[in-house]
Amino acid sequence: MKIIRCETCGNEAFERRAVCRQCFGERFEEVEAGEPQPVVAAKLTVTPEGFEDSYELIVGTLGRTKAIYRKL
């Protein structure tokens, strides 16, 4: 998986940003962070209409940032 890293301060984020939340820099690079390391998982069994009946969401670390991702 890839993450976004601020070229000014090195702050990492899972999602793209217009400005860095730490230094307000505007230049970013996309870097390979490998596979997320799970921290906690939750299985959703009651979902809104239009969604699958159940699926698993995981909060994990990806580089120096946290990410919420869906286990496939």
Protein backbone atom coordinates (compact mmCIF):
# COMPACT_ATOMS: atom_id res chain seq x y z
CA MET A 1 0.00 0.00 0.00
CA LYS A 2 1.06 3.57 -0.58
CA ILE A 3 0.90 6.55 1.73
CA ILE A 4 1.45 10.27 1.26
CA ARG A 5 4.51 11.91 2.89
CA CYS A 6 5.07 15.65 3.28
CA GLU A 7 8.32 16.59 1.55
CA THR A 8 8.94 19.39 4.07
CA CYS A 9 8.55 17.69 7.46
CA GLY A 10 8.07 13.98 6.64
CA ASN A 11 4.59 13.76 8.22
CA GLU A 12 2.70 10.78 6.76
CA ALA A 13 -1.00 10.46 5.95
CA PHE A 14 -3.13 7.73 4.48
CA GLU A 15 -5.27 10.14 2.44
CA ARG A 16 -4.26 12.92 0.05
CA ARG A 17 -4.23 16.43 1.50
CA ALA A 18 -4.01 19.96 0.13
CA VAL A 19 -1.70 21.02 2.99
CA CYS A 20 0.23 19.13 5.65
CA ARG A 21 -1.57 19.12 8.99
CA GLN A 22 1.73 19.50 10.82
CA CYS A 23 3.76 22.14 8.92
CA PHE A 24 1.23 23.39 6.32
CA GLY A 25 3.59 22.34 3.52
CA GLU A 26 2.06 21.82 0.09
CA ARG A 27 4.46 19.34 -1.51
CA PHE A 28 3.89 15.60 -1.05
CA GLU A 29 5.36 12.37 -2.34
CA GLU A 30 3.73 8.99 -2.62
CA VAL A 31 5.76 6.25 -0.91
CA GLU A 32 5.40 2.50 -0.57
CA ALA A 33 4.60 1.56 3.04
CA GLY A 34 4.19 -2.19 2.69
CA GLU A 35 1.32 -4.05 4.30
CA PRO A 36 -0.68 -2.55 7.20
CA GLN A 37 -0.03 -3.96 10.67
CA PRO A 38 -3.43 -4.59 12.31
CA VAL A 39 -4.13 -2.94 15.66
CA VAL A 40 -7.84 -3.66 16.13
CA ALA A 41 -10.55 -5.26 13.99
CA ALA A 42 -14.33 -5.07 14.00
CA LYS A 43 -16.81 -7.18 12.10
CA LEU A 44 -19.88 -5.23 11.04
CA THR A 45 -22.93 -7.48 11.01
CA VAL A 46 -25.68 -4.84 10.91
CA THR A 47 -25.19 -2.58 7.93
CA PRO A 48 -27.25 0.12 6.20
CA GLU A 49 -29.41 -0.73 3.20
CA GLY A 50 -27.32 -1.04 0.05
CA PHE A 51 -24.25 -2.41 1.85
CA GLU A 52 -23.13 -6.01 2.16
CA ASP A 53 -24.65 -8.03 5.03
CA SER A 54 -21.38 -8.05 6.96
CA TYR A 55 -17.73 -7.18 6.52
CA GLU A 56 -14.60 -6.64 8.56
CA LEU A 57 -12.91 -3.27 9.11
CA ILE A 58 -9.41 -3.03 10.54
CA VAL A 59 -7.53 -0.14 12.12
CA GLY A 60 -3.85 -0.61 11.52
CA THR A 61 -0.57 1.20 11.30
CA LEU A 62 0.85 1.93 7.89
CA GLY A 63 4.26 3.53 8.10
CA ARG A 64 3.93 6.16 10.84
CA THR A 65 0.22 6.76 10.26
CA LYS A 66 -2.97 4.89 11.10
CA ALA A 67 -5.32 3.58 8.44
CA ILE A 68 -8.78 2.08 8.43
CA TYR A 69 -9.09 -0.55 5.77
CA ARG A 70 -11.38 -3.33 4.75
CA LYS A 71 -10.14 -6.89 4.82
CA LEU A 72 -10.88 -8.58 1.50
